Amino acid sequence: MDVEEISAIVVDSAFQLHRDLGPGLLESVYESVLTRMLEERGLIVQRQKNVAFDFHGLHFDEGLRVDMLVSNRFVIELKSVERLSPVHMKQLLTYLRLMELPLGLLINFGAATFKEGIRRAVNRHQHFASSRLRVNH
């Protein structure tokens, strides 16, 4: 399964979750439920995954932890806040760059509507699905 297929499953599942539970719960609740939903759809999900990375010839085993890593190829950063801050997208883009992954989603379950709360981040990704959620960097 390629990252675009993973992305489509994540968006569909997160939309259903936002619609059915609504905004305002703790981030950990959304993370737990979304994990189960994605696993039921055949994806492998690791929560609060510590990720090793190299920087200037040094290796680091800690300090980088993503909310959800899907099939070792796709990052989901979850929030449950009234408004996203620009630093949230920067955080996701840095994770993608350091992990050398092409695609991820920033999902804010605190937003009034799902459309307001989802952002797509791209890191050197070449094979795009048509999407209005695209942010190229």
C-alpha atoms as a PDB file:
ATOM      1  CA  MET A   1       0.000   0.000   0.000  1.00  0.00           C
ATOM      2  CA  ASP A   2       1.469   3.376  -0.953  1.00  0.00           C
ATOM      3  CA  VAL A   3       1.376   6.506   1.206  1.00  0.00           C
ATOM      4  CA  GLU A   4      -1.498   8.029  -0.767  1.00  0.00           C
ATOM      5  CA  GLU A   5      -3.653   4.976  -0.018  1.00  0.00           C
ATOM      6  CA  ILE A   6      -2.652   5.192   3.644  1.00  0.00           C
ATOM      7  CA  SER A   7      -3.515   8.898   3.626  1.00  0.00           C
ATOM      8  CA  ALA A   8      -6.964   8.234   2.177  1.00  0.00           C
ATOM      9  CA  ILE A   9      -7.723   5.658   4.876  1.00  0.00           C
ATOM     10  CA  VAL A  10      -6.485   7.993   7.626  1.00  0.00           C
ATOM     11  CA  VAL A  11      -8.552  10.932   6.337  1.00  0.00           C
ATOM     12  CA  ASP A  12     -11.683   8.813   6.046  1.00  0.00           C
ATOM     13  CA  SER A  13     -11.249   7.314   9.527  1.00  0.00           C
ATOM     14  CA  ALA A  14     -10.400  10.655  11.156  1.00  0.00           C
ATOM     15  CA  PHE A  15     -13.424  12.273   9.498  1.00  0.00           C
ATOM     16  CA  GLN A  16     -15.718   9.565  10.883  1.00  0.00           C
ATOM     17  CA  LEU A  17     -14.132   9.941  14.311  1.00  0.00           C
ATOM     18  CA  HIS A  18     -14.563  13.737  14.349  1.00  0.00           C
ATOM     19  CA  ARG A  19     -18.149  13.420  13.120  1.00  0.00           C
ATOM     20  CA  ASP A  20     -19.117  10.754  15.658  1.00  0.00           C
ATOM     21  CA  LEU A  21     -17.273  11.933  18.800  1.00  0.00           C
ATOM     22  CA  GLY A  22     -17.100  15.642  18.047  1.00  0.00           C
ATOM     23  CA  PRO A  23     -14.470  18.118  19.234  1.00  0.00           C
ATOM     24  CA  GLY A  24     -13.288  18.733  22.771  1.00  0.00           C
ATOM     25  CA  LEU A  25     -11.974  15.426  24.111  1.00  0.00           C
ATOM     26  CA  LEU A  26      -8.388  14.854  25.199  1.00  0.00           C
ATOM     27  CA  GLU A  27      -5.849  14.188  22.454  1.00  0.00           C
ATOM     28  CA  SER A  28      -5.119  10.775  23.988  1.00  0.00           C
ATOM     29  CA  VAL A  29      -8.750   9.705  23.461  1.00  0.00           C
ATOM     30  CA  TYR A  30      -8.644  10.566  19.764  1.00  0.00           C
ATOM     31  CA  GLU A  31      -5.263   8.853  19.426  1.00  0.00           C
ATOM     32  CA  SER A  32      -6.523   5.666  21.036  1.00  0.00           C
ATOM     33  CA  VAL A  33      -9.747   5.488  19.021  1.00  0.00           C
ATOM     34  CA  LEU A  34      -8.103   6.449  15.708  1.00  0.00           C
ATOM     35  CA  THR A  35      -5.434   3.795  16.271  1.00  0.00           C
ATOM     36  CA  ARG A  36      -8.081   1.117  16.719  1.00  0.00           C
ATOM     37  CA  MET A  37     -10.008   2.335  13.658  1.00  0.00           C
ATOM     38  CA  LEU A  38      -6.885   2.228  11.475  1.00  0.00           C
ATOM     39  CA  GLU A  39      -5.895  -1.208  12.747  1.00  0.00           C
ATOM     40  CA  GLU A  40      -9.366  -2.494  11.906  1.00  0.00           C
ATOM     41  CA  ARG A  41      -8.723  -1.305   8.352  1.00  0.00           C
ATOM     42  CA  GLY A  42      -5.501  -3.304   8.125  1.00  0.00           C
ATOM     43  CA  LEU A  43      -2.893  -0.681   8.960  1.00  0.00           C
ATOM     44  CA  ILE A  44      -0.063  -1.105  11.451  1.00  0.00           C
ATOM     45  CA  VAL A  45      -0.011   1.798  13.915  1.00  0.00           C
ATOM     46  CA  GLN A  46       2.615   2.682  16.503  1.00  0.00           C
ATOM     47  CA  ARG A  47       1.609   5.270  19.109  1.00  0.00           C
ATOM     48  CA  GLN A  48       4.031   7.722  20.738  1.00  0.00           C
ATOM     49  CA  LYS A  49       6.840   6.225  18.706  1.00  0.00           C
ATOM     50  CA  ASN A  50      10.390   7.240  19.634  1.00  0.00           C
ATOM     51  CA  VAL A  51      12.319   7.689  16.425  1.00  0.00           C
ATOM     52  CA  ALA A  52      16.079   7.661  16.077  1.00  0.00           C
ATOM     53  CA  PHE A  53      17.714  10.188  13.767  1.00  0.00           C
ATOM     54  CA  ASP A  54      21.142  11.349  12.670  1.00  0.00           C
ATOM     55  CA  PHE A  55      22.307  14.955  12.719  1.00  0.00           C
ATOM     56  CA  HIS A  56      25.784  16.263  11.844  1.00  0.00           C
ATOM     57  CA  GLY A  57      27.265  12.804  12.046  1.00  0.00           C
ATOM     58  CA  LEU A  58      25.771  12.100  15.469  1.00  0.00           C
ATOM     59  CA  HIS A  59      23.117   9.486  16.202  1.00  0.00           C
ATOM     60  CA  PHE A  60      20.200  10.242  18.549  1.00  0.00           C
ATOM     61  CA  ASP A  61      17.914   7.539  19.923  1.00  0.00           C
ATOM     62  CA  GLU A  62      15.566   9.841  21.777  1.00  0.00           C
ATOM     63  CA  GLY A  63      14.098  13.304  21.631  1.00  0.00           C
ATOM     64  CA  LEU A  64      11.943  12.700  18.581  1.00  0.00           C
ATOM     65  CA  ARG A  65       8.532  11.152  19.267  1.00  0.00           C
ATOM     66  CA  VAL A  66       5.695  11.123  16.792  1.00  0.00           C
ATOM     67  CA  ASP A  67       2.090  10.728  17.898  1.00  0.00           C
ATOM     68  CA  MET A  68       1.344   8.009  15.370  1.00  0.00           C
ATOM     69  CA  LEU A  69       3.501   6.216  12.834  1.00  0.00           C
ATOM     70  CA  VAL A  70       1.437   4.271  10.315  1.00  0.00           C
ATOM     71  CA  SER A  71       3.000   1.307   8.498  1.00  0.00           C
ATOM     72  CA  ASN A  72       6.457   2.840   9.121  1.00  0.00           C
ATOM     73  CA  ARG A  73       5.743   5.249   6.232  1.00  0.00           C
ATOM     74  CA  PHE A  74       3.251   7.891   7.319  1.00  0.00           C
ATOM     75  CA  VAL A  75       3.179  10.296  10.285  1.00  0.00           C
ATOM     76  CA  ILE A  76       0.073  11.570  12.045  1.00  0.00           C
ATOM     77  CA  GLU A  77       0.464  14.440  14.478  1.00  0.00           C
ATOM     78  CA  LEU A  78      -2.668  14.903  16.598  1.00  0.00           C
ATOM     79  CA  LYS A  79      -3.898  17.964  18.443  1.00  0.00           C
ATOM     80  CA  SER A  80      -7.034  18.815  20.359  1.00  0.00           C
ATOM     81  CA  VAL A  81      -6.829  22.597  20.598  1.00  0.00           C
ATOM     82  CA  GLU A  82      -9.124  25.431  19.628  1.00  0.00           C
ATOM     83  CA  ARG A  83      -6.695  26.691  16.967  1.00  0.00           C
ATOM     84  CA  LEU A  84      -3.586  25.272  15.376  1.00  0.00           C
ATOM     85  CA  SER A  85      -0.410  27.276  15.758  1.00  0.00           C
ATOM     86  CA  PRO A  86       2.137  27.608  12.920  1.00  0.00           C
ATOM     87  CA  VAL A  87       4.604  25.655  15.085  1.00  0.00           C
ATOM     88  CA  HIS A  88       2.402  22.542  14.829  1.00  0.00           C
ATOM     89  CA  MET A  89       2.933  22.263  11.072  1.00  0.00           C
ATOM     90  CA  LYS A  90       6.639  23.052  11.451  1.00  0.00           C
ATOM     91  CA  GLN A  91       6.894  20.207  13.949  1.00  0.00           C
ATOM     92  CA  LEU A  92       5.302  17.732  11.529  1.00  0.00           C
ATOM     93  CA  LEU A  93       7.456  18.905   8.615  1.00  0.00           C
ATOM     94  CA  THR A  94      10.608  18.506  10.733  1.00  0.00           C
ATOM     95  CA  TYR A  95       9.561  14.970  11.695  1.00  0.00           C
ATOM     96  CA  LEU A  96       9.022  14.078   8.037  1.00  0.00           C
ATOM     97  CA  ARG A  97      12.361  15.544   7.030  1.00  0.00           C
ATOM     98  CA  LEU A  98      14.361  13.848   9.810  1.00  0.00           C
ATOM     99  CA  MET A  99      12.614  10.505   9.241  1.00  0.00           C
ATOM    100  CA  GLU A 100      12.936  10.888   5.451  1.00  0.00           C
ATOM    101  CA  LEU A 101       9.226  10.209   4.978  1.00  0.00           C
ATOM    102  CA  PRO A 102       7.181  11.744   2.169  1.00  0.00           C
ATOM    103  CA  LEU A 103       3.800  12.471   3.721  1.00  0.00           C
ATOM    104  CA  GLY A 104       1.954  13.169   6.948  1.00  0.00           C
ATOM    105  CA  LEU A 105      -1.164  14.700   8.409  1.00  0.00           C
ATOM    106  CA  LEU A 106      -1.703  17.210  11.169  1.00  0.00           C
ATOM    107  CA  ILE A 107      -5.164  16.576  12.588  1.00  0.00           C
ATOM    108  CA  ASN A 108      -6.751  18.915  15.129  1.00  0.00           C
ATOM    109  CA  PHE A 109      -9.786  17.291  16.706  1.00  0.00           C
ATOM    110  CA  GLY A 110     -10.450  20.488  18.658  1.00  0.00           C
ATOM    111  CA  ALA A 111     -11.594  22.360  15.545  1.00  0.00           C
ATOM    112  CA  ALA A 112     -15.305  22.962  15.049  1.00  0.00           C
ATOM    113  CA  THR A 113     -15.265  21.120  11.717  1.00  0.00           C
ATOM    114  CA  PHE A 114     -13.007  18.402  10.371  1.00  0.00           C
ATOM    115  CA  LYS A 115     -12.067  20.512   7.337  1.00  0.00           C
ATOM    116  CA  GLU A 116     -10.784  23.293   9.606  1.00  0.00           C
ATOM    117  CA  GLY A 117      -8.678  20.862  11.594  1.00  0.00           C
ATOM    118  CA  ILE A 118      -6.750  18.877   8.999  1.00  0.00           C
ATOM    119  CA  ARG A 119      -3.539  19.807   7.198  1.00  0.00           C
ATOM    120  CA  ARG A 120      -1.457  17.695   4.847  1.00  0.00           C
ATOM    121  CA  ALA A 121       2.344  17.983   4.935  1.00  0.00           C
ATOM    122  CA  VAL A 122       4.585  16.857   2.098  1.00  0.00           C
ATOM    123  CA  ASN A 123       8.325  16.199   2.129  1.00  0.00           C
ATOM    124  CA  ARG A 124       9.811  15.532  -1.339  1.00  0.00           C
ATOM    125  CA  HIS A 125       6.759  13.537  -2.319  1.00  0.00           C
ATOM    126  CA  GLN A 126       6.381  13.020  -6.056  1.00  0.00           C
ATOM    127  CA  HIS A 127       3.229  10.959  -6.577  1.00  0.00           C
ATOM    128  CA  PHE A 128       0.320  13.103  -5.485  1.00  0.00           C
ATOM    129  CA  ALA A 129      -3.299  12.153  -5.249  1.00  0.00           C
ATOM    130  CA  SER A 130      -5.613  15.019  -6.022  1.00  0.00           C
ATOM    131  CA  SER A 131      -6.084  16.778  -2.736  1.00  0.00           C
ATOM    132  CA  ARG A 132      -6.982  20.185  -1.412  1.00  0.00           C
ATOM    133  CA  LEU A 133      -5.125  19.311   1.789  1.00  0.00           C
ATOM    134  CA  ARG A 134      -1.674  19.661   0.233  1.00  0.00           C
ATOM    135  CA  VAL A 135       1.122  21.758   1.765  1.00  0.00           C
ATOM    136  CA  ASN A 136       4.387  21.446  -0.164  1.00  0.00           C
ATOM    137  CA  HIS A 137       7.736  22.043   1.524  1.00  0.00           C
END
